[in-house]
Structure formats: C-alpha cells, structure tokens
Amino acid sequence: MDEPSAKEKAVLDVVGTIPRGFVMSYGDVADRAGLGSARFVGQALARWGDEVAWQRVVMSDGSFAKHLALEQQELLRAEGTPLNGDGKRVNMRSARFA
C-alpha cells in the first residue's frame, strides 16, 4: 500500500494539530508545513484526509470544499466551530487556529 510522501506527511502533521472548534485555511496549512502551495494541501487531503480531521481545513474566506460542503458544515457545526450567520462559512476571525 502507498504511504504519504514527506510533504504529504507534513500536511497531515499540521492538520493533526488543529483543535476541535478551530480551522486553518489551505494556505495556512501550506505555510505552517513549509510548502508553497495551498493546492498541494488540497491534493494531500483528497488522498490522505481520512487519517486526520480534514474538515478543519477551509478556503481562506471560510467557505467549505465545494464537493464536501454539507458534510464539512455538519462536522464543523458538531465541533462547535463558529460559523457566520448564514452557516455557509466559518467565521475566520474567531475560528482561525494560529
């Protein structure tokens, strides 16, 4: 079976540090992992996301992954993550994990 590459492991390690109720953007994860590509973070999570709390990574404006929006929204709501009034985005001001 495949194993995550070193860069993918770096992404998974960072995502693994995000506590319940908080999120990071794809760019935040890329920066923390020492990678230059938010897109790579998305690709790594698409491949290995079931090993971490993938739902805690959102777009920089707090919006959810398009193809998983309902599931991501439900998971984050259950964790008590602050959402904006319409519930369609995370309130990045209060939920961003720094």
N, C-alpha and C. Protein backbone atom coordinates (compact mmCIF):
# COMPACT_ATOMS: atom_id res chain seq x y z
N MET A 1 0.84 -1.19 0.00
CA MET A 1 0.00 0.00 0.00
C MET A 1 0.88 1.25 0.00
N ASP A 2 0.39 2.27 -0.62
CA ASP A 2 1.10 3.55 -0.66
C ASP A 2 1.25 4.14 0.74
N GLU A 3 2.26 4.94 0.87
CA GLU A 3 2.49 5.72 2.08
C GLU A 3 2.54 7.18 1.67
N PRO A 4 2.11 8.09 2.56
CA PRO A 4 2.23 9.51 2.23
C PRO A 4 3.69 9.91 2.03
N SER A 5 3.92 10.81 1.08
CA SER A 5 5.27 11.35 0.88
C SER A 5 5.63 12.24 2.07
N ALA A 6 6.86 12.67 2.13
CA ALA A 6 7.29 13.54 3.22
C ALA A 6 6.48 14.84 3.24
N LYS A 7 6.21 15.38 2.07
CA LYS A 7 5.40 16.62 2.00
C LYS A 7 3.97 16.35 2.44
N GLU A 8 3.42 15.22 2.04
CA GLU A 8 2.06 14.88 2.46
C GLU A 8 2.01 14.65 3.97
N LYS A 9 3.03 14.01 4.53
CA LYS A 9 3.09 13.81 5.98
C LYS A 9 3.15 15.16 6.69
N ALA A 10 3.88 16.11 6.13
CA ALA A 10 3.95 17.44 6.74
C ALA A 10 2.57 18.07 6.80
N VAL A 11 1.80 17.92 5.72
CA VAL A 11 0.43 18.44 5.69
C VAL A 11 -0.40 17.75 6.77
N LEU A 12 -0.35 16.43 6.82
CA LEU A 12 -1.14 15.68 7.79
C LEU A 12 -0.74 16.03 9.22
N ASP A 13 0.54 16.24 9.46
CA ASP A 13 1.01 16.63 10.79
C ASP A 13 0.42 17.98 11.21
N VAL A 14 0.43 18.93 10.30
CA VAL A 14 -0.13 20.26 10.63
C VAL A 14 -1.62 20.14 10.88
N VAL A 15 -2.33 19.47 10.00
CA VAL A 15 -3.79 19.35 10.17
C VAL A 15 -4.10 18.64 11.49
N GLY A 16 -3.26 17.70 11.87
CA GLY A 16 -3.46 16.99 13.12
C GLY A 16 -3.33 17.86 14.36
N THR A 17 -2.76 19.04 14.24
CA THR A 17 -2.61 19.95 15.39
C THR A 17 -3.80 20.87 15.57
N ILE A 18 -4.70 20.93 14.60
CA ILE A 18 -5.83 21.86 14.68
C ILE A 18 -6.84 21.32 15.69
N PRO A 19 -7.11 22.07 16.77
CA PRO A 19 -8.05 21.57 17.77
C PRO A 19 -9.51 21.67 17.32
N ARG A 20 -10.37 20.89 17.98
CA ARG A 20 -11.81 20.97 17.74
C ARG A 20 -12.26 22.41 17.88
N GLY A 21 -13.17 22.83 17.00
CA GLY A 21 -13.71 24.18 17.08
C GLY A 21 -12.89 25.22 16.35
N PHE A 22 -11.79 24.82 15.76
CA PHE A 22 -10.91 25.74 15.04
C PHE A 22 -10.64 25.21 13.64
N VAL A 23 -10.17 26.09 12.78
CA VAL A 23 -9.83 25.73 11.40
C VAL A 23 -8.56 26.45 10.98
N MET A 24 -8.02 25.98 9.89
CA MET A 24 -6.95 26.68 9.18
C MET A 24 -7.35 26.69 7.71
N SER A 25 -6.87 27.68 6.98
CA SER A 25 -7.09 27.69 5.54
C SER A 25 -6.05 26.78 4.89
N TYR A 26 -6.30 26.43 3.64
CA TYR A 26 -5.33 25.63 2.89
C TYR A 26 -3.98 26.35 2.86
N GLY A 27 -4.00 27.66 2.68
CA GLY A 27 -2.77 28.45 2.67
C GLY A 27 -2.07 28.46 4.01
N ASP A 28 -2.86 28.53 5.11
CA ASP A 28 -2.28 28.48 6.45
C ASP A 28 -1.52 27.17 6.65
N VAL A 29 -2.14 26.07 6.24
CA VAL A 29 -1.52 24.75 6.38
C VAL A 29 -0.24 24.69 5.55
N ALA A 30 -0.31 25.18 4.31
CA ALA A 30 0.87 25.18 3.44
C ALA A 30 2.02 25.97 4.08
N ASP A 31 1.71 27.14 4.62
CA ASP A 31 2.74 27.96 5.26
C ASP A 31 3.34 27.24 6.47
N ARG A 32 2.50 26.69 7.31
CA ARG A 32 2.97 26.02 8.52
C ARG A 32 3.80 24.78 8.19
N ALA A 33 3.44 24.11 7.09
CA ALA A 33 4.16 22.89 6.69
C ALA A 33 5.42 23.21 5.89
N GLY A 34 5.65 24.49 5.61
CA GLY A 34 6.83 24.88 4.85
C GLY A 34 6.71 24.59 3.37
N LEU A 35 5.47 24.56 2.90
CA LEU A 35 5.21 24.32 1.48
C LEU A 35 4.72 25.61 0.83
N GLY A 36 4.88 25.73 -0.42
CA GLY A 36 4.46 26.95 -1.09
C GLY A 36 3.09 26.86 -1.75
N SER A 37 2.41 25.75 -1.60
CA SER A 37 1.22 25.54 -2.41
C SER A 37 0.01 25.10 -1.60
N ALA A 38 -0.98 25.99 -1.53
CA ALA A 38 -2.25 25.63 -0.90
C ALA A 38 -2.93 24.52 -1.70
N ARG A 39 -2.74 24.52 -3.00
CA ARG A 39 -3.32 23.49 -3.86
C ARG A 39 -2.78 22.10 -3.49
N PHE A 40 -1.50 22.03 -3.16
CA PHE A 40 -0.91 20.76 -2.75
C PHE A 40 -1.59 20.24 -1.48
N VAL A 41 -1.91 21.16 -0.57
CA VAL A 41 -2.61 20.76 0.66
C VAL A 41 -3.93 20.09 0.31
N GLY A 42 -4.68 20.68 -0.60
CA GLY A 42 -5.95 20.09 -1.02
C GLY A 42 -5.75 18.71 -1.64
N GLN A 43 -4.71 18.57 -2.44
CA GLN A 43 -4.44 17.27 -3.06
C GLN A 43 -4.05 16.23 -2.01
N ALA A 44 -3.24 16.64 -1.05
CA ALA A 44 -2.83 15.71 0.01
C ALA A 44 -4.04 15.27 0.84
N LEU A 45 -4.93 16.22 1.14
CA LEU A 45 -6.12 15.87 1.92
C LEU A 45 -7.08 15.01 1.12
N ALA A 46 -7.16 15.24 -0.17
CA ALA A 46 -8.01 14.39 -1.01
C ALA A 46 -7.53 12.95 -0.98
N ARG A 47 -6.24 12.79 -0.88
CA ARG A 47 -5.67 11.44 -0.90
C ARG A 47 -5.59 10.80 0.48
N TRP A 48 -5.24 11.58 1.50
CA TRP A 48 -4.96 11.04 2.82
C TRP A 48 -5.83 11.64 3.92
N GLY A 49 -6.81 12.43 3.58
CA GLY A 49 -7.60 13.16 4.57
C GLY A 49 -8.33 12.31 5.58
N ASP A 50 -8.60 11.06 5.25
CA ASP A 50 -9.31 10.21 6.21
C ASP A 50 -8.45 9.88 7.43
N GLU A 51 -7.17 10.24 7.40
CA GLU A 51 -6.28 9.99 8.53
C GLU A 51 -6.26 11.14 9.53
N VAL A 52 -6.89 12.27 9.18
CA VAL A 52 -6.92 13.46 10.04
C VAL A 52 -8.31 14.09 9.97
N ALA A 53 -8.51 15.13 10.77
CA ALA A 53 -9.77 15.86 10.76
C ALA A 53 -9.77 16.85 9.59
N TRP A 54 -9.93 16.32 8.38
CA TRP A 54 -9.85 17.10 7.15
C TRP A 54 -10.82 18.28 7.14
N GLN A 55 -11.95 18.13 7.84
CA GLN A 55 -12.98 19.17 7.83
C GLN A 55 -12.49 20.48 8.44
N ARG A 56 -11.39 20.44 9.15
CA ARG A 56 -10.86 21.65 9.80
C ARG A 56 -10.00 22.50 8.87
N VAL A 57 -9.97 22.15 7.60
CA VAL A 57 -9.24 22.95 6.60
C VAL A 57 -10.27 23.50 5.61
N VAL A 58 -10.30 24.83 5.50
CA VAL A 58 -11.30 25.51 4.68
C VAL A 58 -10.62 26.51 3.75
N MET A 59 -11.41 27.10 2.87
CA MET A 59 -10.90 28.15 1.99
C MET A 59 -10.54 29.37 2.85
N SER A 60 -9.73 30.27 2.33
CA SER A 60 -9.28 31.42 3.10
C SER A 60 -10.42 32.34 3.53
N ASP A 61 -11.53 32.31 2.79
CA ASP A 61 -12.68 33.14 3.18
C ASP A 61 -13.63 32.40 4.12
N GLY A 62 -13.24 31.19 4.55
CA GLY A 62 -14.06 30.41 5.46
C GLY A 62 -15.06 29.50 4.79
N SER A 63 -15.10 29.50 3.47
CA SER A 63 -16.05 28.63 2.78
C SER A 63 -15.56 27.20 2.75
N PHE A 64 -16.48 26.30 2.51
CA PHE A 64 -16.21 24.87 2.57
C PHE A 64 -15.78 24.34 1.21
N ALA A 65 -15.18 23.16 1.23
CA ALA A 65 -14.82 22.47 -0.01
C ALA A 65 -16.12 22.22 -0.79
N LYS A 66 -16.15 22.61 -2.03
CA LYS A 66 -17.40 22.56 -2.82
C LYS A 66 -18.04 21.17 -2.83
N HIS A 67 -17.26 20.15 -3.09
CA HIS A 67 -17.83 18.81 -3.24
C HIS A 67 -18.17 18.14 -1.92
N LEU A 68 -17.73 18.73 -0.80
CA LEU A 68 -17.99 18.15 0.52
C LEU A 68 -18.63 19.16 1.46
N ALA A 69 -19.23 20.22 0.91
CA ALA A 69 -19.70 21.34 1.73
C ALA A 69 -20.67 20.93 2.82
N LEU A 70 -21.68 20.15 2.49
CA LEU A 70 -22.68 19.78 3.51
C LEU A 70 -22.07 18.94 4.63
N GLU A 71 -21.26 17.97 4.26
CA GLU A 71 -20.62 17.13 5.27
C GLU A 71 -19.66 17.95 6.13
N GLN A 72 -18.88 18.80 5.49
CA GLN A 72 -17.92 19.63 6.23
C GLN A 72 -18.66 20.57 7.18
N GLN A 73 -19.72 21.18 6.70
CA GLN A 73 -20.51 22.09 7.53
C GLN A 73 -21.07 21.36 8.75
N GLU A 74 -21.62 20.18 8.55
CA GLU A 74 -22.18 19.39 9.65
C GLU A 74 -21.11 19.01 10.68
N LEU A 75 -19.97 18.55 10.19
CA LEU A 75 -18.89 18.16 11.09
C LEU A 75 -18.39 19.34 11.91
N LEU A 76 -18.20 20.48 11.26
CA LEU A 76 -17.70 21.66 11.98
C LEU A 76 -18.74 22.19 12.96
N ARG A 77 -19.99 22.18 12.57
CA ARG A 77 -21.05 22.62 13.48
C ARG A 77 -21.07 21.73 14.72
N ALA A 78 -20.93 20.41 14.52
CA ALA A 78 -20.93 19.47 15.64
C ALA A 78 -19.74 19.69 16.58
N GLU A 79 -18.64 20.22 16.04
CA GLU A 79 -17.46 20.51 16.86
C GLU A 79 -17.56 21.86 17.56
N GLY A 80 -18.61 22.63 17.26
CA GLY A 80 -18.77 23.94 17.88
C GLY A 80 -17.96 25.03 17.21
N THR A 81 -17.55 24.81 15.98
CA THR A 81 -16.78 25.81 15.24
C THR A 81 -17.68 27.00 14.92
N PRO A 82 -17.26 28.23 15.22
CA PRO A 82 -18.08 29.40 14.93
C PRO A 82 -18.30 29.57 13.42
N LEU A 83 -19.56 29.64 13.03
CA LEU A 83 -19.91 29.86 11.63
C LEU A 83 -20.51 31.25 11.50
N ASN A 84 -20.49 31.80 10.28
CA ASN A 84 -21.14 33.08 10.03
C ASN A 84 -22.65 32.91 10.12
N GLY A 85 -23.37 34.01 10.14
CA GLY A 85 -24.81 33.99 10.33
C GLY A 85 -25.57 33.06 9.42
N ASP A 86 -25.16 32.95 8.16
CA ASP A 86 -25.88 32.08 7.24
C ASP A 86 -25.44 30.62 7.35
N GLY A 87 -24.39 30.36 8.14
CA GLY A 87 -23.91 29.00 8.35
C GLY A 87 -23.16 28.41 7.17
N LYS A 88 -22.93 29.21 6.15
CA LYS A 88 -22.28 28.70 4.94
C LYS A 88 -20.78 28.94 4.91
N ARG A 89 -20.27 29.54 5.98
CA ARG A 89 -18.84 29.79 6.09
C ARG A 89 -18.43 29.79 7.55
N VAL A 90 -17.17 29.49 7.77
CA VAL A 90 -16.60 29.59 9.11
C VAL A 90 -16.29 31.05 9.37
N ASN A 91 -16.50 31.47 10.59
CA ASN A 91 -16.10 32.82 11.00
C ASN A 91 -14.60 32.77 11.25
N MET A 92 -13.83 33.15 10.25
CA MET A 92 -12.37 33.03 10.32
C MET A 92 -11.77 33.93 11.39
N ARG A 93 -12.42 35.01 11.71
CA ARG A 93 -11.89 35.92 12.72
C ARG A 93 -11.80 35.23 14.09
N SER A 94 -12.80 34.41 14.40
CA SER A 94 -12.79 33.76 15.72
C SER A 94 -12.37 32.28 15.67
N ALA A 95 -12.39 31.66 14.51
CA ALA A 95 -12.12 30.23 14.44
C ALA A 95 -10.75 29.87 13.87
N ARG A 96 -10.03 30.85 13.33
CA ARG A 96 -8.72 30.53 12.72
C ARG A 96 -7.72 30.15 13.80
N PHE A 97 -7.10 29.00 13.60
CA PHE A 97 -6.07 28.49 14.52
C PHE A 97 -4.74 29.04 14.06
N ALA A 98 -4.11 29.79 14.96
CA ALA A 98 -2.86 30.44 14.56
C ALA A 98 -1.67 29.69 15.02
